[in-house]
Protein backbone atom coordinates (compact mmCIF):
# COMPACT_ATOMS: atom_id res chain seq x y z
CA MET A 1 228.48 157.46 -34.75
CA SER A 2 226.41 155.61 -37.35
CA ASN A 3 222.85 154.35 -36.99
CA HIS A 4 224.13 150.78 -36.92
CA GLU A 5 226.00 151.29 -33.65
CA ASN A 6 222.78 151.88 -31.69
CA ALA A 7 220.64 149.35 -33.51
CA GLU A 8 219.29 146.37 -31.60
CA PRO A 9 220.83 143.08 -32.66
CA THR A 10 218.71 140.98 -34.95
CA PRO A 11 217.68 137.74 -33.24
CA VAL A 12 219.12 134.67 -34.86
CA THR A 13 216.70 131.86 -35.48
CA THR A 14 217.46 128.46 -36.82
CA PRO A 15 215.18 125.85 -38.33
CA ASP A 16 213.79 123.27 -35.94
CA THR A 17 214.13 125.48 -32.88
CA GLN A 18 211.46 127.02 -30.71
CA ASP A 19 212.12 130.75 -30.61
CA SER A 20 209.04 131.80 -28.67
CA PRO A 21 206.97 130.29 -25.86
CA VAL A 22 204.18 127.89 -26.75
CA GLN A 23 201.60 126.63 -24.29
CA ASP A 24 200.56 123.01 -24.28
CA GLY A 25 197.23 122.71 -26.01
CA SER A 26 197.61 125.86 -28.07
CA LEU A 27 194.96 126.54 -30.67
CA THR A 28 197.06 125.02 -33.42
CA ASP A 29 197.67 121.80 -31.49
CA ALA A 30 194.20 121.03 -30.17
CA ASP A 31 191.10 120.16 -32.17
CA GLY A 32 187.69 121.58 -31.27
CA ASP A 33 186.78 118.76 -28.89
CA ASP A 34 190.09 119.08 -27.03
CA ARG A 35 189.67 122.86 -26.77
CA LEU A 36 186.13 122.41 -25.47
CA GLU A 37 187.27 119.88 -22.85
CA GLY A 38 190.05 122.28 -21.85
CA ILE A 39 187.59 125.12 -21.40
CA ILE A 40 185.31 122.94 -19.28
CA GLU A 41 188.23 121.92 -17.05
CA GLN A 42 189.52 125.51 -16.74
CA VAL A 43 186.12 126.92 -15.86
CA ARG A 44 185.43 124.03 -13.45
CA GLY A 45 188.74 124.72 -11.71
CA ASP A 46 188.08 128.46 -11.53
CA THR A 47 184.62 127.76 -10.12
CA LEU A 48 185.95 125.41 -7.45
CA LEU A 49 188.50 128.06 -6.42
CA GLY A 50 185.80 130.74 -6.24
CA HIS A 51 187.31 132.81 -9.06
CA VAL A 52 184.09 133.25 -11.05
CA ASP A 53 181.89 136.33 -10.75
CA ASP A 54 179.78 135.72 -13.87
CA LEU A 55 179.91 132.10 -15.03
CA ARG A 56 177.88 132.70 -18.20
CA GLN A 57 180.13 135.58 -19.32
CA MET A 58 183.31 133.64 -18.50
CA VAL A 59 182.16 130.66 -20.57
CA ARG A 60 181.12 132.91 -23.46
CA ASP A 61 184.51 134.67 -23.41
CA ARG A 62 186.49 131.41 -23.25
CA LEU A 63 184.52 129.89 -26.13
CA GLU A 64 185.05 132.98 -28.29
CA GLN A 65 188.77 133.13 -27.46
CA ALA A 66 189.11 129.48 -28.52
CA GLY A 67 187.31 130.14 -31.79
CA LEU A 68 184.37 127.95 -30.82
CA GLY A 69 180.65 128.65 -30.99
CA ALA A 70 179.30 130.85 -28.24
CA THR A 71 175.56 130.69 -28.86
CA PRO A 72 173.31 130.59 -25.80
CA ASN A 73 172.91 126.81 -26.32
CA ASP A 74 176.71 126.36 -26.49
CA VAL A 75 177.16 128.36 -23.29
CA ASP A 76 174.40 126.38 -21.54
CA ALA A 77 176.01 123.08 -22.58
CA VAL A 78 179.40 124.12 -21.19
CA ILE A 79 177.84 125.37 -17.94
CA SER A 80 176.00 122.05 -17.58
CA ALA A 81 179.26 120.14 -18.14
CA VAL A 82 181.12 122.36 -15.67
CA GLN A 83 178.50 121.77 -12.99
CA SER A 84 178.38 117.99 -13.50
CA THR A 85 180.65 115.77 -11.44
CA PRO A 86 183.94 115.19 -13.28
C-alpha cells in the first residue's frame, strides 16, 4: 500500500466560486463606519436580551476584534450610542 492510497483528496477550487463561508459584513466588505454601526447594533441587541455581564469589556473586545480604536473615549462613545434610543 502506498502513501497515496491513504491521502486525503485535495479539494478542487475553481475561479469565481466561494469555497469557504463568508459572513455578510465581513471585515473586508465593511468600512470602519459600517463596522462601528454593526458593533453598536450587536451590543444593543445583546443588552436587550440580557446577555451582557460587563458592557465596557464587551465593547472593548468587539472594537478590537473589528480592528477599530478601543480607547476609553471610543468605548464610552459606543456605550452612549448603545444606550440611546435606536
